Amino acid sequence: MPELDLELAQLSLRNSAKPHWLCKDMRGDQWEYISYPYILGDHVAIKIRVPGDPTSMITADALLLDPEGKQCLCSEAGKDFYLTADYYRERHARLTECPARLDK
């Protein structure tokens, strides 16, 4: 199998993996991109967080996240589940389990 061209992968993701757009990991958890993809060692990395929660930032493998093509939920804040204590308690508990996480 040929070696991954990290710079080409980074360039191809720049259109779909952009700040304040949503993505999902392989388990179906929803995240928010908060950076553009960049090269980190042997990975194309990206910063993600629980949507709307700046305290939950982690570094993830951009190739293991599926862009949803939708903007973040910031405009939905307070309308439903978003920004409730229960939502954040449950999501923070899953931070360490994110399969795309690079900073384990």
PDB file of N, CA and C in Angstrom:
ATOM      1  N   MET A   1       0.838  -1.175   0.000  1.00  0.00           N
ATOM      2  CA  MET A   1       0.000   0.000   0.000  1.00  0.00           C
ATOM      3  C   MET A   1       0.887   1.244   0.000  1.00  0.00           C
ATOM      4  N   PRO A   2       0.588   2.229  -0.848  1.00  0.00           N
ATOM      5  CA  PRO A   2       1.434   3.421  -0.899  1.00  0.00           C
ATOM      6  C   PRO A   2       1.301   4.261   0.367  1.00  0.00           C
ATOM      7  N   GLU A   3       2.352   4.996   0.654  1.00  0.00           N
ATOM      8  CA  GLU A   3       2.363   5.846   1.835  1.00  0.00           C
ATOM      9  C   GLU A   3       1.449   7.056   1.622  1.00  0.00           C
ATOM     10  N   LEU A   4       0.762   7.476   2.655  1.00  0.00           N
ATOM     11  CA  LEU A   4      -0.160   8.609   2.589  1.00  0.00           C
ATOM     12  C   LEU A   4       0.616   9.899   2.368  1.00  0.00           C
ATOM     13  N   ASP A   5       0.205  10.682   1.393  1.00  0.00           N
ATOM     14  CA  ASP A   5       0.782  11.998   1.156  1.00  0.00           C
ATOM     15  C   ASP A   5       0.056  12.981   2.082  1.00  0.00           C
ATOM     16  N   LEU A   6       0.675  13.306   3.211  1.00  0.00           N
ATOM     17  CA  LEU A   6       0.022  14.121   4.229  1.00  0.00           C
ATOM     18  C   LEU A   6      -0.363  15.504   3.722  1.00  0.00           C
ATOM     19  N   GLU A   7       0.514  16.109   2.926  1.00  0.00           N
ATOM     20  CA  GLU A   7       0.205  17.452   2.436  1.00  0.00           C
ATOM     21  C   GLU A   7      -0.968  17.436   1.460  1.00  0.00           C
ATOM     22  N   LEU A   8      -1.047  16.411   0.626  1.00  0.00           N
ATOM     23  CA  LEU A   8      -2.177  16.296  -0.291  1.00  0.00           C
ATOM     24  C   LEU A   8      -3.477  16.042   0.480  1.00  0.00           C
ATOM     25  N   ALA A   9      -3.409  15.210   1.506  1.00  0.00           N
ATOM     26  CA  ALA A   9      -4.585  14.949   2.338  1.00  0.00           C
ATOM     27  C   ALA A   9      -5.023  16.222   3.048  1.00  0.00           C
ATOM     28  N   GLN A  10      -4.067  16.993   3.552  1.00  0.00           N
ATOM     29  CA  GLN A  10      -4.382  18.254   4.225  1.00  0.00           C
ATOM     30  C   GLN A  10      -5.089  19.202   3.260  1.00  0.00           C
ATOM     31  N   LEU A  11      -4.579  19.332   2.051  1.00  0.00           N
ATOM     32  CA  LEU A  11      -5.196  20.225   1.070  1.00  0.00           C
ATOM     33  C   LEU A  11      -6.597  19.765   0.685  1.00  0.00           C
ATOM     34  N   SER A  12      -6.786  18.464   0.530  1.00  0.00           N
ATOM     35  CA  SER A  12      -8.103  17.964   0.127  1.00  0.00           C
ATOM     36  C   SER A  12      -9.146  18.157   1.227  1.00  0.00           C
ATOM     37  N   LEU A  13      -8.725  18.173   2.483  1.00  0.00           N
ATOM     38  CA  LEU A  13      -9.654  18.362   3.603  1.00  0.00           C
ATOM     39  C   LEU A  13      -9.984  19.828   3.874  1.00  0.00           C
ATOM     40  N   ARG A  14      -9.181  20.750   3.358  1.00  0.00           N
ATOM     41  CA  ARG A  14      -9.391  22.169   3.678  1.00  0.00           C
ATOM     42  C   ARG A  14     -10.766  22.680   3.282  1.00  0.00           C
ATOM     43  N   ASN A  15     -11.396  22.101   2.275  1.00  0.00           N
ATOM     44  CA  ASN A  15     -12.711  22.565   1.852  1.00  0.00           C
ATOM     45  C   ASN A  15     -13.845  22.011   2.705  1.00  0.00           C
ATOM     46  N   SER A  16     -13.641  20.879   3.349  1.00  0.00           N
ATOM     47  CA  SER A  16     -14.723  20.265   4.123  1.00  0.00           C
ATOM     48  C   SER A  16     -14.489  20.321   5.623  1.00  0.00           C
ATOM     49  N   ALA A  17     -13.251  20.403   6.051  1.00  0.00           N
ATOM     50  CA  ALA A  17     -12.918  20.430   7.476  1.00  0.00           C
ATOM     51  C   ALA A  17     -12.490  21.843   7.842  1.00  0.00           C
ATOM     52  N   LYS A  18     -13.467  22.698   8.135  1.00  0.00           N
ATOM     53  CA  LYS A  18     -13.152  24.087   8.442  1.00  0.00           C
ATOM     54  C   LYS A  18     -13.798  24.490   9.756  1.00  0.00           C
ATOM     55  N   PRO A  19     -13.245  25.504  10.408  1.00  0.00           N
ATOM     56  CA  PRO A  19     -13.755  25.899  11.722  1.00  0.00           C
ATOM     57  C   PRO A  19     -15.250  26.199  11.731  1.00  0.00           C
ATOM     58  N   HIS A  20     -15.879  25.786  12.803  1.00  0.00           N
ATOM     59  CA  HIS A  20     -17.305  25.993  13.073  1.00  0.00           C
ATOM     60  C   HIS A  20     -18.205  25.211  12.119  1.00  0.00           C
ATOM     61  N   TRP A  21     -17.700  24.082  11.634  1.00  0.00           N
ATOM     62  CA  TRP A  21     -18.517  23.135  10.867  1.00  0.00           C
ATOM     63  C   TRP A  21     -18.518  21.824  11.637  1.00  0.00           C
ATOM     64  N   LEU A  22     -19.572  21.050  11.487  1.00  0.00           N
ATOM     65  CA  LEU A  22     -19.756  19.828  12.268  1.00  0.00           C
ATOM     66  C   LEU A  22     -19.168  18.609  11.566  1.00  0.00           C
ATOM     67  N   CYS A  23     -18.832  17.606  12.378  1.00  0.00           N
ATOM     68  CA  CYS A  23     -18.349  16.328  11.868  1.00  0.00           C
ATOM     69  C   CYS A  23     -18.771  15.246  12.850  1.00  0.00           C
ATOM     70  N   LYS A  24     -18.610  14.001  12.439  1.00  0.00           N
ATOM     71  CA  LYS A  24     -18.886  12.865  13.322  1.00  0.00           C
ATOM     72  C   LYS A  24     -17.696  11.933  13.312  1.00  0.00           C
ATOM     73  N   ASP A  25     -17.475  11.290  14.467  1.00  0.00           N
ATOM     74  CA  ASP A  25     -16.426  10.272  14.519  1.00  0.00           C
ATOM     75  C   ASP A  25     -17.025   8.917  14.144  1.00  0.00           C
ATOM     76  N   MET A  26     -16.218   7.882  14.190  1.00  0.00           N
ATOM     77  CA  MET A  26     -16.656   6.560  13.739  1.00  0.00           C
ATOM     78  C   MET A  26     -17.738   5.965  14.630  1.00  0.00           C
ATOM     79  N   ARG A  27     -17.902   6.471  15.851  1.00  0.00           N
ATOM     80  CA  ARG A  27     -18.959   5.986  16.748  1.00  0.00           C
ATOM     81  C   ARG A  27     -20.249   6.762  16.570  1.00  0.00           C
ATOM     82  N   GLY A  28     -20.201   7.827  15.767  1.00  0.00           N
ATOM     83  CA  GLY A  28     -21.398   8.627  15.545  1.00  0.00           C
ATOM     84  C   GLY A  28     -21.530   9.833  16.450  1.00  0.00           C
ATOM     85  N   ASP A  29     -20.525  10.084  17.300  1.00  0.00           N
ATOM     86  CA  ASP A  29     -20.563  11.282  18.142  1.00  0.00           C
ATOM     87  C   ASP A  29     -20.311  12.512  17.289  1.00  0.00           C
ATOM     88  N   GLN A  30     -21.037  13.572  17.565  1.00  0.00           N
ATOM     89  CA  GLN A  30     -20.894  14.808  16.809  1.00  0.00           C
ATOM     90  C   GLN A  30     -19.869  15.718  17.473  1.00  0.00           C
ATOM     91  N   TRP A  31     -19.028  16.333  16.635  1.00  0.00           N
ATOM     92  CA  TRP A  31     -17.992  17.245  17.078  1.00  0.00           C
ATOM     93  C   TRP A  31     -18.048  18.494  16.218  1.00  0.00           C
ATOM     94  N   GLU A  32     -17.343  19.508  16.662  1.00  0.00           N
ATOM     95  CA  GLU A  32     -17.223  20.745  15.894  1.00  0.00           C
ATOM     96  C   GLU A  32     -15.750  20.979  15.587  1.00  0.00           C
ATOM     97  N   TYR A  33     -15.431  21.145  14.305  1.00  0.00           N
ATOM     98  CA  TYR A  33     -14.067  21.530  13.946  1.00  0.00           C
ATOM     99  C   TYR A  33     -13.810  22.932  14.488  1.00  0.00           C
ATOM    100  N   ILE A  34     -12.622  23.150  15.046  1.00  0.00           N
ATOM    101  CA  ILE A  34     -12.281  24.510  15.465  1.00  0.00           C
ATOM    102  C   ILE A  34     -10.957  24.963  14.870  1.00  0.00           C
ATOM    103  N   SER A  35     -10.419  24.187  13.951  1.00  0.00           N
ATOM    104  CA  SER A  35      -9.219  24.606  13.225  1.00  0.00           C
ATOM    105  C   SER A  35      -9.291  24.026  11.821  1.00  0.00           C
ATOM    106  N   TYR A  36      -8.391  24.478  10.980  1.00  0.00           N
ATOM    107  CA  TYR A  36      -8.202  23.828   9.690  1.00  0.00           C
ATOM    108  C   TYR A  36      -7.268  22.651   9.915  1.00  0.00           C
ATOM    109  N   PRO A  37      -7.284  21.639   9.045  1.00  0.00           N
ATOM    110  CA  PRO A  37      -6.360  20.511   9.206  1.00  0.00           C
ATOM    111  C   PRO A  37      -4.909  20.954   9.028  1.00  0.00           C
ATOM    112  N   TYR A  38      -4.036  20.321   9.779  1.00  0.00           N
ATOM    113  CA  TYR A  38      -2.607  20.613   9.691  1.00  0.00           C
ATOM    114  C   TYR A  38      -1.836  19.318   9.880  1.00  0.00           C
ATOM    115  N   ILE A  39      -0.568  19.328   9.526  1.00  0.00           N
ATOM    116  CA  ILE A  39       0.259  18.123   9.628  1.00  0.00           C
ATOM    117  C   ILE A  39       0.884  18.072  11.016  1.00  0.00           C
ATOM    118  N   LEU A  40       0.730  16.926  11.669  1.00  0.00           N
ATOM    119  CA  LEU A  40       1.302  16.679  12.988  1.00  0.00           C
ATOM    120  C   LEU A  40       1.956  15.312  12.947  1.00  0.00           C
ATOM    121  N   GLY A  41       3.263  15.287  12.812  1.00  0.00           N
ATOM    122  CA  GLY A  41       3.972  14.012  12.695  1.00  0.00           C
ATOM    123  C   GLY A  41       3.522  13.241  11.477  1.00  0.00           C
ATOM    124  N   ASP A  42       2.996  12.032  11.694  1.00  0.00           N
ATOM    125  CA  ASP A  42       2.519  11.178  10.604  1.00  0.00           C
ATOM    126  C   ASP A  42       1.007  11.263  10.418  1.00  0.00           C
ATOM    127  N   HIS A  43       0.391  12.326  10.882  1.00  0.00           N
ATOM    128  CA  HIS A  43      -1.062  12.455  10.821  1.00  0.00           C
ATOM    129  C   HIS A  43      -1.468  13.791  10.221  1.00  0.00           C
ATOM    130  N   VAL A  44      -2.667  13.813   9.668  1.00  0.00           N
ATOM    131  CA  VAL A  44      -3.324  15.075   9.355  1.00  0.00           C
ATOM    132  C   VAL A  44      -4.210  15.340  10.557  1.00  0.00           C
ATOM    133  N   ALA A  45      -3.841  16.329  11.344  1.00  0.00           N
ATOM    134  CA  ALA A  45      -4.523  16.610  12.607  1.00  0.00           C
ATOM    135  C   ALA A  45      -5.501  17.764  12.444  1.00  0.00           C
ATOM    136  N   ILE A  46      -6.439  17.829  13.381  1.00  0.00           N
ATOM    137  CA  ILE A  46      -7.387  18.937  13.431  1.00  0.00           C
ATOM    138  C   ILE A  46      -7.836  19.081  14.873  1.00  0.00           C
ATOM    139  N   LYS A  47      -8.123  20.300  15.281  1.00  0.00           N
ATOM    140  CA  LYS A  47      -8.659  20.545  16.614  1.00  0.00           C
ATOM    141  C   LYS A  47     -10.175  20.424  16.535  1.00  0.00           C
ATOM    142  N   ILE A  48     -10.756  19.678  17.476  1.00  0.00           N
ATOM    143  CA  ILE A  48     -12.218  19.533  17.547  1.00  0.00           C
ATOM    144  C   ILE A  48     -12.655  19.764  18.987  1.00  0.00           C
ATOM    145  N   ARG A  49     -13.961  19.956  19.158  1.00  0.00           N
ATOM    146  CA  ARG A  49     -14.517  20.119  20.506  1.00  0.00           C
ATOM    147  C   ARG A  49     -15.971  19.666  20.510  1.00  0.00           C
ATOM    148  N   VAL A  50     -16.496  19.482  21.718  1.00  0.00           N
ATOM    149  CA  VAL A  50     -17.931  19.302  21.871  1.00  0.00           C
ATOM    150  C   VAL A  50     -18.537  20.585  21.316  1.00  0.00           C
ATOM    151  N   PRO A  51     -19.520  20.504  20.432  1.00  0.00           N
ATOM    152  CA  PRO A  51     -20.054  21.718  19.816  1.00  0.00           C
ATOM    153  C   PRO A  51     -20.410  22.794  20.843  1.00  0.00           C
ATOM    154  N   GLY A  52     -19.756  23.945  20.683  1.00  0.00           N
ATOM    155  CA  GLY A  52     -20.038  25.092  21.537  1.00  0.00           C
ATOM    156  C   GLY A  52     -19.289  25.138  22.858  1.00  0.00           C
ATOM    157  N   ASP A  53     -18.493  24.133  23.182  1.00  0.00           N
ATOM    158  CA  ASP A  53     -17.823  24.075  24.484  1.00  0.00           C
ATOM    159  C   ASP A  53     -16.314  24.259  24.324  1.00  0.00           C
ATOM    160  N   PRO A  54     -15.784  25.462  24.551  1.00  0.00           N
ATOM    161  CA  PRO A  54     -14.358  25.706  24.354  1.00  0.00           C
ATOM    162  C   PRO A  54     -13.452  24.969  25.334  1.00  0.00           C
ATOM    163  N   THR A  55     -13.994  24.422  26.415  1.00  0.00           N
ATOM    164  CA  THR A  55     -13.164  23.710  27.391  1.00  0.00           C
ATOM    165  C   THR A  55     -12.891  22.267  26.979  1.00  0.00           C
ATOM    166  N   SER A  56     -13.498  21.800  25.897  1.00  0.00           N
ATOM    167  CA  SER A  56     -13.393  20.389  25.534  1.00  0.00           C
ATOM    168  C   SER A  56     -12.483  20.126  24.340  1.00  0.00           C
ATOM    169  N   MET A  57     -11.626  21.055  23.966  1.00  0.00           N
ATOM    170  CA  MET A  57     -10.807  20.913  22.767  1.00  0.00           C
ATOM    171  C   MET A  57      -9.857  19.720  22.854  1.00  0.00           C
ATOM    172  N   ILE A  58      -9.822  18.924  21.765  1.00  0.00           N
ATOM    173  CA  ILE A  58      -8.847  17.842  21.647  1.00  0.00           C
ATOM    174  C   ILE A  58      -8.264  17.864  20.242  1.00  0.00           C
ATOM    175  N   THR A  59      -7.119  17.220  20.089  1.00  0.00           N
ATOM    176  CA  THR A  59      -6.494  17.061  18.782  1.00  0.00           C
ATOM    177  C   THR A  59      -6.901  15.703  18.244  1.00  0.00           C
ATOM    178  N   ALA A  60      -7.388  15.678  17.000  1.00  0.00           N
ATOM    179  CA  ALA A  60      -7.892  14.441  16.416  1.00  0.00           C
ATOM    180  C   ALA A  60      -7.294  14.206  15.037  1.00  0.00           C
ATOM    181  N   ASP A  61      -7.360  12.960  14.593  1.00  0.00           N
ATOM    182  CA  ASP A  61      -6.934  12.587  13.246  1.00  0.00           C
ATOM    183  C   ASP A  61      -8.049  12.984  12.282  1.00  0.00           C
ATOM    184  N   ALA A  62      -7.791  13.955  11.431  1.00  0.00           N
ATOM    185  CA  ALA A  62      -8.813  14.483  10.527  1.00  0.00           C
ATOM    186  C   ALA A  62      -9.338  13.423   9.571  1.00  0.00           C
ATOM    187  N   LEU A  63      -8.534  12.414   9.262  1.00  0.00           N
ATOM    188  CA  LEU A  63      -8.956  11.376   8.330  1.00  0.00           C
ATOM    189  C   LEU A  63      -9.935  10.393   8.955  1.00  0.00           C
ATOM    190  N   LEU A  64     -10.083  10.430  10.281  1.00  0.00           N
ATOM    191  CA  LEU A  64     -11.014   9.541  10.973  1.00  0.00           C
ATOM    192  C   LEU A  64     -12.315  10.236  11.345  1.00  0.00           C
ATOM    193  N   LEU A  65     -12.516  11.444  10.836  1.00  0.00           N
ATOM    194  CA  LEU A  65     -13.738  12.205  11.095  1.00  0.00           C
ATOM    195  C   LEU A  65     -14.470  12.436   9.787  1.00  0.00           C
ATOM    196  N   ASP A  66     -15.783  12.332   9.833  1.00  0.00           N
ATOM    197  CA  ASP A  66     -16.604  12.490   8.636  1.00  0.00           C
ATOM    198  C   ASP A  66     -17.274  13.860   8.660  1.00  0.00           C
ATOM    199  N   PRO A  67     -16.878  14.775   7.744  1.00  0.00           N
ATOM    200  CA  PRO A  67     -17.519  16.098   7.717  1.00  0.00           C
ATOM    201  C   PRO A  67     -19.006  15.969   7.402  1.00  0.00           C
ATOM    202  N   GLU A  68     -19.827  16.735   8.108  1.00  0.00           N
ATOM    203  CA  GLU A  68     -21.270  16.686   7.893  1.00  0.00           C
ATOM    204  C   GLU A  68     -21.758  17.746   6.915  1.00  0.00           C
ATOM    205  N   GLY A  69     -20.921  18.725   6.585  1.00  0.00           N
ATOM    206  CA  GLY A  69     -21.337  19.767   5.663  1.00  0.00           C
ATOM    207  C   GLY A  69     -22.356  20.720   6.250  1.00  0.00           C
ATOM    208  N   LYS A  70     -22.375  20.820   7.598  1.00  0.00           N
ATOM    209  CA  LYS A  70     -23.316  21.718   8.270  1.00  0.00           C
ATOM    210  C   LYS A  70     -22.539  22.619   9.220  1.00  0.00           C
ATOM    211  N   GLN A  71     -23.011  23.850   9.349  1.00  0.00           N
ATOM    212  CA  GLN A  71     -22.383  24.769  10.283  1.00  0.00           C
ATOM    213  C   GLN A  71     -22.672  24.350  11.717  1.00  0.00           C
ATOM    214  N   CYS A  72     -21.856  24.887  12.639  1.00  0.00           N
ATOM    215  CA  CYS A  72     -22.004  24.542  14.048  1.00  0.00           C
ATOM    216  C   CYS A  72     -23.369  24.974  14.581  1.00  0.00           C
ATOM    217  N   LEU A  73     -23.641  24.589  15.791  1.00  0.00           N
ATOM    218  CA  LEU A  73     -24.943  24.825  16.413  1.00  0.00           C
ATOM    219  C   LEU A  73     -24.989  26.102  17.239  1.00  0.00           C
ATOM    220  N   CYS A  74     -24.018  26.980  17.087  1.00  0.00           N
ATOM    221  CA  CYS A  74     -23.964  28.185  17.928  1.00  0.00           C
ATOM    222  C   CYS A  74     -25.261  28.985  17.861  1.00  0.00           C
ATOM    223  N   SER A  75     -25.878  29.056  16.703  1.00  0.00           N
ATOM    224  CA  SER A  75     -27.121  29.824  16.573  1.00  0.00           C
ATOM    225  C   SER A  75     -28.296  29.128  17.267  1.00  0.00           C
ATOM    226  N   GLU A  76     -28.117  27.848  17.614  1.00  0.00           N
ATOM    227  CA  GLU A  76     -29.171  27.088  18.282  1.00  0.00           C
ATOM    228  C   GLU A  76     -29.030  27.107  19.800  1.00  0.00           C
ATOM    229  N   ALA A  77     -28.032  27.792  20.300  1.00  0.00           N
ATOM    230  CA  ALA A  77     -27.732  27.775  21.735  1.00  0.00           C
ATOM    231  C   ALA A  77     -28.969  28.111  22.562  1.00  0.00           C
ATOM    232  N   GLY A  78     -29.258  27.247  23.526  1.00  0.00           N
ATOM    233  CA  GLY A  78     -30.347  27.471  24.454  1.00  0.00           C
ATOM    234  C   GLY A  78     -31.717  27.074  23.934  1.00  0.00           C
ATOM    235  N   LYS A  79     -31.847  26.670  22.667  1.00  0.00           N
ATOM    236  CA  LYS A  79     -33.160  26.350  22.118  1.00  0.00           C
ATOM    237  C   LYS A  79     -33.636  24.945  22.484  1.00  0.00           C
ATOM    238  N   ASP A  80     -32.726  24.029  22.705  1.00  0.00           N
ATOM    239  CA  ASP A  80     -33.131  22.643  22.934  1.00  0.00           C
ATOM    240  C   ASP A  80     -32.173  22.022  23.935  1.00  0.00           C
ATOM    241  N   PHE A  81     -31.433  20.963  23.509  1.00  0.00           N
ATOM    242  CA  PHE A  81     -30.480  20.283  24.387  1.00  0.00           C
ATOM    243  C   PHE A  81     -29.205  21.081  24.551  1.00  0.00           C
ATOM    244  N   TYR A  82     -28.940  21.954  23.611  1.00  0.00           N
ATOM    245  CA  TYR A  82     -27.653  22.630  23.518  1.00  0.00           C
ATOM    246  C   TYR A  82     -27.418  23.567  24.704  1.00  0.00           C
ATOM    247  N   LEU A  83     -26.235  23.524  25.247  1.00  0.00           N
ATOM    248  CA  LEU A  83     -25.809  24.346  26.373  1.00  0.00           C
ATOM    249  C   LEU A  83     -26.523  24.018  27.680  1.00  0.00           C
ATOM    250  N   THR A  84     -26.967  22.786  27.840  1.00  0.00           N
ATOM    251  CA  THR A  84     -27.521  22.364  29.127  1.00  0.00           C
ATOM    252  C   THR A  84     -26.462  21.567  29.886  1.00  0.00           C
ATOM    253  N   ALA A  85     -26.529  21.594  31.195  1.00  0.00           N
ATOM    254  CA  ALA A  85     -25.530  20.909  32.023  1.00  0.00           C
ATOM    255  C   ALA A  85     -25.496  19.410  31.736  1.00  0.00           C
ATOM    256  N   ASP A  86     -26.645  18.783  31.575  1.00  0.00           N
ATOM    257  CA  ASP A  86     -26.684  17.344  31.306  1.00  0.00           C
ATOM    258  C   ASP A  86     -25.997  17.005  29.994  1.00  0.00           C
ATOM    259  N   TYR A  87     -26.217  17.802  28.962  1.00  0.00           N
ATOM    260  CA  TYR A  87     -25.579  17.583  27.663  1.00  0.00           C
ATOM    261  C   TYR A  87     -24.062  17.603  27.800  1.00  0.00           C
ATOM    262  N   TYR A  88     -23.523  18.604  28.496  1.00  0.00           N
ATOM    263  CA  TYR A  88     -22.078  18.717  28.616  1.00  0.00           C
ATOM    264  C   TYR A  88     -21.480  17.651  29.526  1.00  0.00           C
ATOM    265  N   ARG A  89     -22.169  17.265  30.587  1.00  0.00           N
ATOM    266  CA  ARG A  89     -21.663  16.180  31.437  1.00  0.00           C
ATOM    267  C   ARG A  89     -21.521  14.897  30.627  1.00  0.00           C
ATOM    268  N   GLU A  90     -22.541  14.573  29.846  1.00  0.00           N
ATOM    269  CA  GLU A  90     -22.515  13.350  29.043  1.00  0.00           C
ATOM    270  C   GLU A  90     -21.429  13.421  27.974  1.00  0.00           C
ATOM    271  N   ARG A  91     -21.298  14.548  27.299  1.00  0.00           N
ATOM    272  CA  ARG A  91     -20.301  14.681  26.227  1.00  0.00           C
ATOM    273  C   ARG A  91     -18.881  14.691  26.764  1.00  0.00           C
ATOM    274  N   HIS A  92     -18.637  15.354  27.901  1.00  0.00           N
ATOM    275  CA  HIS A  92     -17.288  15.363  28.468  1.00  0.00           C
ATOM    276  C   HIS A  92     -16.862  13.957  28.880  1.00  0.00           C
ATOM    277  N   ALA A  93     -17.795  13.158  29.314  1.00  0.00           N
ATOM    278  CA  ALA A  93     -17.467  11.780  29.683  1.00  0.00           C
ATOM    279  C   ALA A  93     -16.983  10.994  28.467  1.00  0.00           C
ATOM    280  N   ARG A  94     -17.396  11.370  27.258  1.00  0.00           N
ATOM    281  CA  ARG A  94     -17.008  10.656  26.044  1.00  0.00           C
ATOM    282  C   ARG A  94     -15.733  11.188  25.397  1.00  0.00           C
ATOM    283  N   LEU A  95     -15.190  12.310  25.886  1.00  0.00           N
ATOM    284  CA  LEU A  95     -14.007  12.903  25.265  1.00  0.00           C
ATOM    285  C   LEU A  95     -12.840  11.915  25.171  1.00  0.00           C
ATOM    286  N   THR A  96     -12.588  11.187  26.236  1.00  0.00           N
ATOM    287  CA  THR A  96     -11.448  10.273  26.232  1.00  0.00           C
ATOM    288  C   THR A  96     -11.675   9.063  25.338  1.00  0.00           C
ATOM    289  N   GLU A  97     -12.937   8.819  24.933  1.00  0.00           N
ATOM    290  CA  GLU A  97     -13.259   7.656  24.117  1.00  0.00           C
ATOM    291  C   GLU A  97     -13.286   7.957  22.622  1.00  0.00           C
ATOM    292  N   CYS A  98     -13.069   9.193  22.216  1.00  0.00           N
ATOM    293  CA  CYS A  98     -13.141   9.554  20.798  1.00  0.00           C
ATOM    294  C   CYS A  98     -12.107   8.743  20.008  1.00  0.00           C
ATOM    295  N   PRO A  99     -12.537   7.924  19.032  1.00  0.00           N
ATOM    296  CA  PRO A  99     -11.601   7.073  18.305  1.00  0.00           C
ATOM    297  C   PRO A  99     -10.613   7.840  17.432  1.00  0.00           C
ATOM    298  N   ALA A 100     -10.875   9.093  17.134  1.00  0.00           N
ATOM    299  CA  ALA A 100      -9.970   9.885  16.306  1.00  0.00           C
ATOM    300  C   ALA A 100      -8.943  10.656  17.151  1.00  0.00           C
ATOM    301  N   ARG A 101      -9.048  10.576  18.457  1.00  0.00           N
ATOM    302  CA  ARG A 101      -8.189  11.366  19.356  1.00  0.00           C
ATOM    303  C   ARG A 101      -6.721  11.010  19.173  1.00  0.00           C
ATOM    304  N   LEU A 102      -5.871  12.031  19.018  1.00  0.00           N
ATOM    305  CA  LEU A 102      -4.435  11.833  18.859  1.00  0.00           C
ATOM    306  C   LEU A 102      -3.664  12.056  20.161  1.00  0.00           C
ATOM    307  N   ASP A 103      -4.191  12.870  21.058  1.00  0.00           N
ATOM    308  CA  ASP A 103      -3.459  13.210  22.278  1.00  0.00           C
ATOM    309  C   ASP A 103      -3.878  12.344  23.469  1.00  0.00           C
ATOM    310  N   LYS A 104      -3.856  11.024  23.259  1.00  0.00           N
ATOM    311  CA  LYS A 104      -4.261  10.073  24.313  1.00  0.00           C
ATOM    312  C   LYS A 104      -3.157   9.878  25.317  1.00  0.00           C
TER     313      LYS A 104
END
